[in-house]
Amino acid sequence: MQKKQFSVITMRALIGMLMSGALLSCHSNSQSNTDQKSGISTADSLPPVETKKPNSDYKPAFVGQTRVKGTKTKTPIQVTLLDSTLKFPWGICNLPDGRLLITEKLGTMRIETLDGKLDKQITGLPKVNADGQGGLLDVNVDPDFSTNRMVYFDYAEPGAKGNLLAIAKGKLSQDETHLENIQVIYRAAPAWKGTLQYGSRIVFDKDGNLFVTTGERSDKEIRTKAQDLSVAIGKVLHLTKDGKPVPGGPFANTKGALPEIYAYGLRSPEGMAINPATGEIWEDEFGPKGGDELNIIRPGKNYGWPVITYGREYSGDQVGDGIQQKEGMEQPIYYWDPVISPSGMTFYNSDTIPEWKGNIFIACLSSSHLTRLVLDGDRVAAEEWLMQDMGQRFRAVTQAKNGALYVISEQGRLYKVAKK
């Protein structure tokens, strides 16, 4: 009797499992045409864009953390070289009238029109150390620029004890040839004799305060300070326009911590942008050999460098204990191995190319392309590489008021990427 009952129950369970599988299969097929959140047609999805062998056998923490499916822009796009006379450009931002303000590594700025004409050259800026990865770096204009004409920028400042990232501001003169009353509002100490990995990007929050990324200066002797809350390197800082800590920061009441620190454990953060749809801060940074990262920066969080990483030392050795996950440390939203050397980034927020709206665009140096990332909430759903045939090391990108992307390259070029 027991044997017969067991057989009946087993048969019913098998039928249930088969029915459930059939239903799941039907459900899966019904969802296979289009991913509703990301807008990607799964029927048209492509293999991952990265085909090279990774530098390590490290396993991602979750599905979709690296090498997601590829995609291809369907809108006809035209890439136009507008100017090839820039001298080692680094930062680019929009002026309220639609023109572009661009920094040049050796210590000058220029204003360019949207058709690539040099409008103004800005000189008389502070002395910079342009060796290595130093120089005049990022630039952004005050949200109230139309009334106060204030420009914020950062640079590698030389000193007796070494170099450090200095954040400064000045008023653009009426003739647009120089900045008036330049003041250094913050110095990301400690100074260091090296010339690598200063960061840095500057973005404004909705209240007009600054978020600034700082690099951890690369060398093994100093990079551990990315985990040290008493110093300003390897961090995201939250500063007022006068360089003071924004009140109520996550470490405002932590003994020994700098109250201006918003997040920490960063390596070489050269990209940062605020998602216009959510208000969240997104950041990209260089890994060592592998392990370039894309992160959402949240207050008080530790992003792990140099304790956890998906990269290896340039020698090929493991970094530290060779771990990729640790309690209390944030996982990257996405990572690349081999590296792409991600630098400046922007969110596309125009209706000119609807399929791009809400996508992230990242200027990449070593991989010589512009990366497009399609998002599904706080995950990367698909990846596309653009401008691969240009042979350029792309440093920064911004979306202009005309709905086009403007990209600068380390070799001195300004490109326009627009709907054909």
Protein backbone atom coordinates (compact mmCIF):
# COMPACT_ATOMS: atom_id res chain seq x y z
CA MET A 1 0.00 0.00 0.00
CA GLN A 2 2.79 2.37 0.92
CA LYS A 3 4.65 1.55 -2.26
CA LYS A 4 1.55 2.32 -4.38
CA GLN A 5 0.96 5.60 -2.57
CA PHE A 6 4.59 6.58 -3.11
CA SER A 7 4.29 5.88 -6.84
CA VAL A 8 1.16 8.00 -7.17
CA ILE A 9 2.76 10.91 -5.31
CA THR A 10 5.93 10.62 -7.36
CA MET A 11 3.95 10.57 -10.62
CA ARG A 12 1.98 13.66 -9.56
CA ALA A 13 5.22 15.45 -8.63
CA LEU A 14 6.76 14.62 -11.99
CA ILE A 15 3.69 15.87 -13.85
CA GLY A 16 3.81 19.07 -11.77
CA MET A 17 7.44 19.62 -12.55
CA LEU A 18 6.89 19.07 -16.25
CA MET A 19 3.93 21.47 -16.26
CA SER A 20 5.94 24.03 -14.32
CA GLY A 21 8.81 23.70 -16.79
CA ALA A 22 6.43 24.12 -19.71
CA LEU A 23 4.95 27.22 -18.13
CA LEU A 24 8.40 28.63 -17.39
CA SER A 25 9.41 27.93 -20.96
CA CYS A 26 6.33 29.69 -22.28
CA HIS A 27 6.98 32.63 -19.93
CA SER A 28 10.60 32.81 -21.04
CA ASN A 29 9.56 32.84 -24.71
CA SER A 30 7.04 35.57 -24.08
CA GLN A 31 9.83 37.75 -22.63
CA SER A 32 12.45 36.92 -25.24
CA ASN A 33 11.55 39.54 -27.83
CA THR A 34 12.38 42.64 -25.80
CA ASP A 35 13.79 43.42 -22.38
CA GLN A 36 11.16 45.92 -21.26
CA LYS A 37 13.41 47.79 -18.81
CA SER A 38 16.47 48.28 -20.99
CA GLY A 39 14.69 48.40 -24.35
CA ILE A 40 17.18 45.92 -25.84
CA SER A 41 15.79 43.48 -28.37
CA THR A 42 17.05 40.08 -27.28
CA ALA A 43 16.49 38.81 -30.78
CA ASP A 44 19.07 41.38 -31.96
CA SER A 45 21.48 41.05 -29.03
CA LEU A 46 25.10 40.40 -29.94
CA PRO A 47 27.96 38.55 -28.27
CA PRO A 48 29.98 40.53 -25.70
CA VAL A 49 32.13 43.21 -27.29
CA GLU A 50 35.23 42.09 -25.39
CA THR A 51 36.78 39.01 -26.98
CA LYS A 52 40.29 39.07 -25.52
CA LYS A 53 41.34 36.68 -22.77
CA PRO A 54 41.07 38.17 -19.26
CA ASN A 55 44.19 38.67 -17.15
CA SER A 56 42.88 36.45 -14.38
CA ASP A 57 40.39 33.67 -13.69
CA TYR A 58 38.54 35.70 -11.05
CA LYS A 59 34.83 35.01 -10.96
CA PRO A 60 32.26 37.84 -10.94
CA ALA A 61 30.10 38.27 -7.85
CA PHE A 62 26.90 38.18 -9.90
CA VAL A 63 25.66 37.52 -13.41
CA GLY A 64 26.11 40.56 -15.62
CA GLN A 65 28.98 42.10 -13.66
CA THR A 66 31.28 41.79 -16.66
CA ARG A 67 31.08 40.95 -20.38
CA VAL A 68 27.36 41.47 -20.86
CA LYS A 69 25.79 41.03 -24.27
CA GLY A 70 26.66 43.44 -27.03
CA THR A 71 24.31 45.83 -28.78
CA LYS A 72 24.43 48.13 -31.79
CA THR A 73 22.96 51.59 -32.28
CA LYS A 74 20.25 51.45 -34.95
CA THR A 75 19.99 55.21 -35.50
CA PRO A 76 22.35 56.31 -38.31
CA ILE A 77 25.27 58.09 -36.61
CA GLN A 78 27.90 60.42 -38.02
CA VAL A 79 31.28 61.08 -36.42
CA THR A 80 32.90 64.38 -37.44
CA LEU A 81 36.42 65.57 -36.63
CA LEU A 82 35.96 69.23 -35.72
CA ASP A 83 39.38 70.31 -34.49
CA SER A 84 42.83 68.72 -34.29
CA THR A 85 44.74 71.63 -32.71
CA LEU A 86 44.07 70.97 -29.03
CA LYS A 87 47.14 70.41 -26.85
CA PHE A 88 46.66 67.36 -24.61
CA PRO A 89 43.03 68.12 -23.64
CA TRP A 90 41.74 66.65 -20.38
CA GLY A 91 38.39 68.09 -19.28
CA ILE A 92 35.35 69.35 -21.17
CA CYS A 93 32.11 70.97 -20.03
CA ASN A 94 29.24 73.03 -21.41
CA LEU A 95 28.89 76.77 -21.04
CA PRO A 96 25.31 78.06 -20.63
CA ASP A 97 25.36 79.57 -24.14
CA GLY A 98 26.14 76.15 -25.65
CA ARG A 99 29.86 76.57 -26.28
CA LEU A 100 32.45 74.16 -24.84
CA LEU A 101 35.08 74.88 -22.19
CA ILE A 102 38.10 72.59 -22.50
CA THR A 103 41.20 72.22 -20.31
CA GLU A 104 44.62 71.43 -21.75
CA LYS A 105 47.04 69.42 -19.63
CA LEU A 106 49.94 71.88 -19.90
CA GLY A 107 47.99 74.63 -18.14
CA THR A 108 45.62 76.45 -20.48
CA MET A 109 41.90 76.41 -21.27
CA ARG A 110 40.05 77.16 -24.46
CA ILE A 111 36.49 77.92 -25.46
CA GLU A 112 35.29 76.18 -28.62
CA THR A 113 32.12 76.62 -30.62
CA LEU A 114 29.95 73.59 -31.37
CA ASP A 115 31.32 73.53 -34.90
CA GLY A 116 34.88 73.22 -33.59
CA LYS A 117 36.16 76.77 -33.95
CA LEU A 118 38.56 78.13 -31.35
CA ASP A 119 36.72 81.06 -29.82
CA LYS A 120 38.90 82.07 -26.86
CA GLN A 121 42.20 81.00 -25.28
CA ILE A 122 42.35 81.31 -21.49
CA THR A 123 45.79 81.77 -19.92
CA GLY A 124 47.26 82.95 -16.63
CA LEU A 125 46.25 79.83 -14.70
CA PRO A 126 48.27 78.45 -11.75
CA LYS A 127 51.51 76.58 -12.34
CA VAL A 128 50.91 72.86 -12.82
CA ASN A 129 53.11 69.78 -12.74
CA ALA A 130 52.28 68.21 -16.08
CA ASP A 131 54.61 65.23 -15.69
CA GLY A 132 53.12 61.76 -15.80
CA GLN A 133 49.36 61.91 -15.28
CA GLY A 134 49.46 65.42 -13.84
CA GLY A 135 48.69 68.82 -15.33
CA LEU A 136 45.54 70.89 -15.58
CA LEU A 137 42.76 68.34 -15.21
CA ASP A 138 38.99 68.72 -14.93
CA VAL A 139 36.77 71.78 -15.26
CA ASN A 140 33.15 72.62 -14.55
CA VAL A 141 31.18 75.84 -14.31
CA ASP A 142 29.10 77.04 -11.41
CA PRO A 143 25.36 76.25 -11.77
CA ASP A 144 24.92 80.03 -11.37
CA PHE A 145 27.54 80.82 -14.01
CA SER A 146 25.15 83.04 -15.96
CA THR A 147 25.20 85.50 -13.07
CA ASN A 148 28.55 84.88 -11.31
CA ARG A 149 30.82 83.59 -14.16
CA MET A 150 32.64 81.23 -11.76
CA VAL A 151 34.73 78.37 -13.12
CA TYR A 152 35.96 75.45 -10.97
CA PHE A 153 38.96 73.36 -11.97
CA ASP A 154 41.58 71.06 -10.47
CA TYR A 155 45.20 70.41 -11.24
CA ALA A 156 48.44 68.75 -10.09
CA GLU A 157 50.04 71.37 -7.86
CA PRO A 158 53.81 71.12 -7.32
CA GLY A 159 55.28 71.73 -3.86
CA ALA A 160 58.34 71.16 -1.71
CA LYS A 161 56.96 67.89 -0.30
CA GLY A 162 55.63 66.60 -3.61
CA ASN A 163 52.55 67.06 -5.76
CA LEU A 164 48.90 67.02 -4.82
CA LEU A 165 45.51 67.63 -6.35
CA ALA A 166 44.44 71.24 -5.88
CA ILE A 167 40.87 72.40 -6.46
CA ALA A 168 40.48 76.04 -7.45
CA LYS A 169 37.96 78.57 -8.68
CA GLY A 170 38.10 81.84 -10.59
CA LYS A 171 35.82 84.29 -12.36
CA LEU A 172 35.90 84.26 -16.16
CA SER A 173 36.77 87.75 -17.34
CA GLN A 174 34.37 89.64 -19.55
CA ASP A 175 36.71 89.26 -22.53
CA GLU A 176 37.03 85.51 -21.72
CA THR A 177 40.84 85.53 -21.86
CA HIS A 178 41.65 84.82 -18.20
CA LEU A 179 40.24 83.87 -14.80
CA GLU A 180 40.11 86.59 -12.17
CA ASN A 181 40.80 86.22 -8.43
CA ILE A 182 41.82 82.58 -8.62
CA GLN A 183 41.62 80.85 -5.25
CA VAL A 184 42.64 77.33 -4.27
CA ILE A 185 39.69 76.14 -2.19
CA TYR A 186 41.00 72.67 -1.28
CA ARG A 187 44.15 70.57 -1.40
CA ALA A 188 43.85 66.77 -1.34
CA ALA A 189 46.67 65.94 1.06
CA PRO A 190 49.04 64.31 1.54
CA ALA A 191 51.47 65.49 -1.10
CA TRP A 192 53.48 62.76 -2.82
CA LYS A 193 56.62 62.77 -4.96
CA GLY A 194 54.98 60.60 -7.63
CA THR A 195 53.19 61.94 -10.70
CA LEU A 196 50.44 59.35 -11.17
CA GLN A 197 46.73 58.95 -10.42
CA TYR A 198 45.42 62.27 -9.16
CA GLY A 199 41.83 61.54 -10.22
CA SER A 200 39.88 63.73 -10.86
CA ARG A 201 36.41 64.89 -11.89
CA ILE A 202 34.19 67.68 -10.61
CA VAL A 203 30.38 67.59 -10.66
CA PHE A 204 27.80 69.74 -8.91
CA ASP A 205 24.96 68.37 -6.82
CA LYS A 206 21.41 69.75 -6.89
CA ASP A 207 22.30 72.20 -4.09
CA GLY A 208 25.30 73.62 -5.93
CA ASN A 209 27.95 71.81 -3.87
CA LEU A 210 30.87 69.95 -5.44
CA PHE A 211 31.61 66.25 -5.65
CA VAL A 212 35.29 65.71 -6.48
CA THR A 213 37.12 62.41 -7.03
CA THR A 214 40.73 62.00 -5.91
CA GLY A 215 43.19 59.30 -6.95
CA GLU A 216 45.32 57.31 -4.51
CA ARG A 217 48.61 58.27 -6.25
CA SER A 218 49.44 54.74 -7.45
CA ASP A 219 52.59 53.72 -5.57
CA LYS A 220 52.37 50.82 -3.10
CA GLU A 221 53.69 52.98 -0.26
CA ILE A 222 50.82 55.47 -0.57
CA ARG A 223 47.89 53.64 -2.16
CA THR A 224 46.80 52.00 1.08
CA LYS A 225 45.74 55.51 2.18
CA ALA A 226 42.64 55.00 0.03
CA GLN A 227 41.34 53.12 3.11
CA ASP A 228 42.43 55.85 5.54
CA LEU A 229 39.66 58.28 6.50
CA SER A 230 42.17 60.81 7.85
CA VAL A 231 43.51 61.68 4.39
CA ALA A 232 41.88 62.92 1.20
CA ILE A 233 43.33 60.62 -1.46
CA GLY A 234 41.43 57.71 -3.01
CA LYS A 235 38.14 59.36 -2.11
CA VAL A 236 34.99 61.12 -3.29
CA LEU A 237 34.88 64.48 -1.51
CA HIS A 238 31.76 66.59 -0.92
CA LEU A 239 32.66 70.27 -0.72
CA THR A 240 30.94 73.62 -0.63
CA LYS A 241 31.89 76.25 -3.21
CA ASP A 242 34.39 77.56 -0.67
CA GLY A 243 36.03 74.15 -0.20
CA LYS A 244 34.51 73.40 3.20
CA PRO A 245 32.90 70.06 4.12
CA VAL A 246 29.22 69.92 3.23
CA PRO A 247 27.45 69.67 6.60
CA GLY A 248 25.99 66.32 7.64
CA GLY A 249 28.42 64.13 5.70
CA PRO A 250 28.61 60.39 6.46
CA PHE A 251 31.83 60.80 8.48
CA ALA A 252 31.02 64.15 10.11
CA ASN A 253 30.87 62.48 13.53
CA THR A 254 33.59 59.87 13.01
CA LYS A 255 36.63 60.51 15.19
CA GLY A 256 39.76 61.08 13.14
CA ALA A 257 37.93 61.17 9.79
CA LEU A 258 37.85 64.09 7.39
CA PRO A 259 34.23 65.33 7.39
CA GLU A 260 34.39 66.14 3.67
CA ILE A 261 34.82 62.46 2.71
CA TYR A 262 31.69 61.10 1.03
CA ALA A 263 33.03 57.67 -0.03
CA TYR A 264 36.41 55.93 -0.06
CA GLY A 265 38.51 53.02 -1.33
CA LEU A 266 38.98 54.34 -4.89
CA ARG A 267 42.01 53.80 -7.11
CA SER A 268 42.16 56.15 -10.10
CA PRO A 269 38.70 57.68 -10.57
CA GLU A 270 38.76 59.66 -13.82
CA GLY A 271 35.04 59.60 -14.59
CA MET A 272 32.01 60.80 -12.66
CA ALA A 273 28.48 61.87 -13.63
CA ILE A 274 25.11 62.21 -11.95
CA ASN A 275 22.29 60.14 -13.40
CA PRO A 276 19.62 62.73 -14.31
CA ALA A 277 16.84 60.16 -13.87
CA THR A 278 17.76 59.10 -10.31
CA GLY A 279 20.18 61.72 -8.98
CA GLU A 280 22.72 59.00 -8.13
CA ILE A 281 26.45 59.51 -8.60
CA TRP A 282 28.14 57.11 -11.01
CA GLU A 283 31.92 56.80 -11.16
CA ASP A 284 34.45 54.91 -13.24
CA GLU A 285 38.05 54.14 -12.37
CA PHE A 286 41.15 52.41 -13.62
CA GLY A 287 42.04 49.05 -12.21
CA PRO A 288 45.65 47.88 -12.42
CA LYS A 289 46.08 45.01 -14.90
CA GLY A 290 42.39 44.28 -15.36
CA GLY A 291 39.65 45.32 -12.99
CA ASP A 292 38.53 48.70 -14.39
CA GLU A 293 35.31 49.54 -12.51
CA LEU A 294 31.95 51.25 -12.81
CA ASN A 295 30.39 52.14 -9.45
CA ILE A 296 27.39 53.88 -7.96
CA ILE A 297 28.77 56.11 -5.24
CA ARG A 298 26.72 56.12 -2.06
CA PRO A 299 27.48 58.02 1.16
CA GLY A 300 29.86 56.35 3.58
CA LYS A 301 30.55 53.31 1.40
CA ASN A 302 33.93 51.65 0.97
CA TYR A 303 34.77 50.62 -2.61
CA GLY A 304 37.56 48.32 -1.58
CA TRP A 305 40.83 49.41 -3.18
CA PRO A 306 43.46 48.06 -2.59
CA VAL A 307 41.92 45.28 -0.49
CA ILE A 308 39.56 43.86 -3.12
CA THR A 309 39.93 44.13 -6.88
CA TYR A 310 39.27 42.19 -10.07
CA GLY A 311 42.67 43.26 -11.36
CA ARG A 312 46.25 42.13 -10.82
CA GLU A 313 49.52 43.97 -10.36
CA TYR A 314 51.16 45.06 -13.61
CA SER A 315 53.72 42.32 -12.93
CA GLY A 316 50.90 39.78 -13.04
CA ASP A 317 51.06 39.08 -9.31
CA GLN A 318 47.90 39.25 -7.25
CA VAL A 319 47.06 42.49 -5.48
CA GLY A 320 47.31 42.04 -1.71
CA ASP A 321 45.58 38.83 -0.69
CA GLY A 322 44.09 38.37 -4.15
CA ILE A 323 40.47 38.65 -3.01
CA GLN A 324 37.56 40.16 -4.91
CA GLN A 325 34.85 40.23 -2.25
CA LYS A 326 34.84 41.24 1.40
CA GLU A 327 32.08 42.11 3.83
CA GLY A 328 31.69 45.85 4.25
CA MET A 329 33.16 46.61 0.82
CA GLU A 330 31.10 47.44 -2.24
CA GLN A 331 31.11 45.43 -5.42
CA PRO A 332 31.46 47.31 -8.71
CA ILE A 333 28.28 47.51 -10.77
CA TYR A 334 30.43 46.43 -13.72
CA TYR A 335 34.09 45.69 -14.42
CA TRP A 336 36.37 45.18 -17.42
CA ASP A 337 39.22 42.72 -17.85
CA PRO A 338 41.32 43.40 -19.92
CA VAL A 339 41.23 47.11 -19.15
CA ILE A 340 39.65 49.82 -21.25
CA SER A 341 41.13 52.68 -19.15
CA PRO A 342 37.82 54.49 -18.58
CA SER A 343 38.11 58.26 -18.25
CA GLY A 344 35.45 60.98 -18.56
CA MET A 345 31.81 59.88 -18.66
CA THR A 346 28.37 61.36 -19.26
CA PHE A 347 24.72 60.33 -19.27
CA TYR A 348 22.87 60.89 -22.53
CA ASN A 349 19.74 62.86 -21.68
CA SER A 350 18.46 64.11 -25.05
CA ASP A 351 15.49 63.02 -27.15
CA THR A 352 17.55 63.51 -30.33
CA ILE A 353 18.58 59.84 -30.31
CA PRO A 354 15.83 58.13 -28.28
CA GLU A 355 17.55 54.75 -28.03
CA TRP A 356 20.50 56.43 -26.26
CA LYS A 357 18.46 58.20 -23.60
CA GLY A 358 19.59 57.15 -20.13
CA ASN A 359 22.72 55.43 -21.48
CA ILE A 360 26.22 56.03 -20.11
CA PHE A 361 29.03 57.03 -22.48
CA ILE A 362 32.64 56.61 -21.34
CA ALA A 363 35.76 57.92 -23.09
CA CYS A 364 38.39 55.17 -23.04
CA LEU A 365 42.13 55.58 -23.35
CA SER A 366 43.99 52.28 -23.78
CA SER A 367 41.17 50.59 -25.66
CA SER A 368 40.75 53.61 -27.97
CA HIS A 369 36.98 53.71 -28.19
CA LEU A 370 33.86 55.35 -26.80
CA THR A 371 31.92 52.90 -24.65
CA ARG A 372 28.11 52.96 -24.58
CA LEU A 373 26.41 51.20 -21.68
CA VAL A 374 22.68 50.45 -21.67
CA LEU A 375 21.31 50.26 -18.14
CA ASP A 376 18.61 48.18 -16.52
CA GLY A 377 18.12 49.99 -13.22
CA ASP A 378 21.47 49.81 -11.46
CA ARG A 379 22.83 47.05 -13.69
CA VAL A 380 24.50 47.13 -17.10
CA ALA A 381 22.27 45.39 -19.66
CA ALA A 382 24.33 45.77 -22.84
CA GLU A 383 27.56 47.29 -24.12
CA GLU A 384 28.63 48.87 -27.41
CA TRP A 385 32.00 50.21 -28.53
CA LEU A 386 31.98 53.21 -30.85
CA MET A 387 34.73 55.12 -32.71
CA GLN A 388 37.07 52.13 -32.68
CA ASP A 389 38.60 52.99 -36.05
CA MET A 390 39.85 56.45 -35.01
CA GLY A 391 43.08 55.29 -33.38
CA GLN A 392 42.65 57.81 -30.55
CA ARG A 393 43.00 57.74 -26.78
CA PHE A 394 39.71 59.30 -25.73
CA ARG A 395 39.90 61.39 -22.58
CA ALA A 396 36.46 62.91 -21.96
CA VAL A 397 32.95 63.23 -23.36
CA THR A 398 29.98 65.54 -22.83
CA GLN A 399 26.51 65.89 -24.28
CA ALA A 400 25.90 69.36 -25.69
CA LYS A 401 22.63 71.25 -25.87
CA ASN A 402 22.17 70.23 -29.51
CA GLY A 403 21.85 66.57 -28.52
CA ALA A 404 25.26 65.58 -29.90
CA LEU A 405 28.16 64.06 -28.00
CA TYR A 406 31.48 65.90 -28.04
CA VAL A 407 34.58 63.78 -27.39
CA ILE A 408 38.17 64.91 -26.85
CA SER A 409 41.21 62.71 -27.40
CA GLU A 410 44.64 62.79 -25.79
CA GLN A 411 46.12 63.37 -29.25
CA GLY A 412 44.41 66.76 -29.43
CA ARG A 413 41.22 66.12 -31.35
CA LEU A 414 37.63 67.21 -30.82
CA TYR A 415 34.93 64.99 -32.34
CA LYS A 416 31.21 65.40 -32.72
CA VAL A 417 29.06 62.24 -32.56
CA ALA A 418 25.56 63.00 -33.81
CA LYS A 419 22.52 61.72 -35.61
CA LYS A 420 23.18 61.61 -39.34
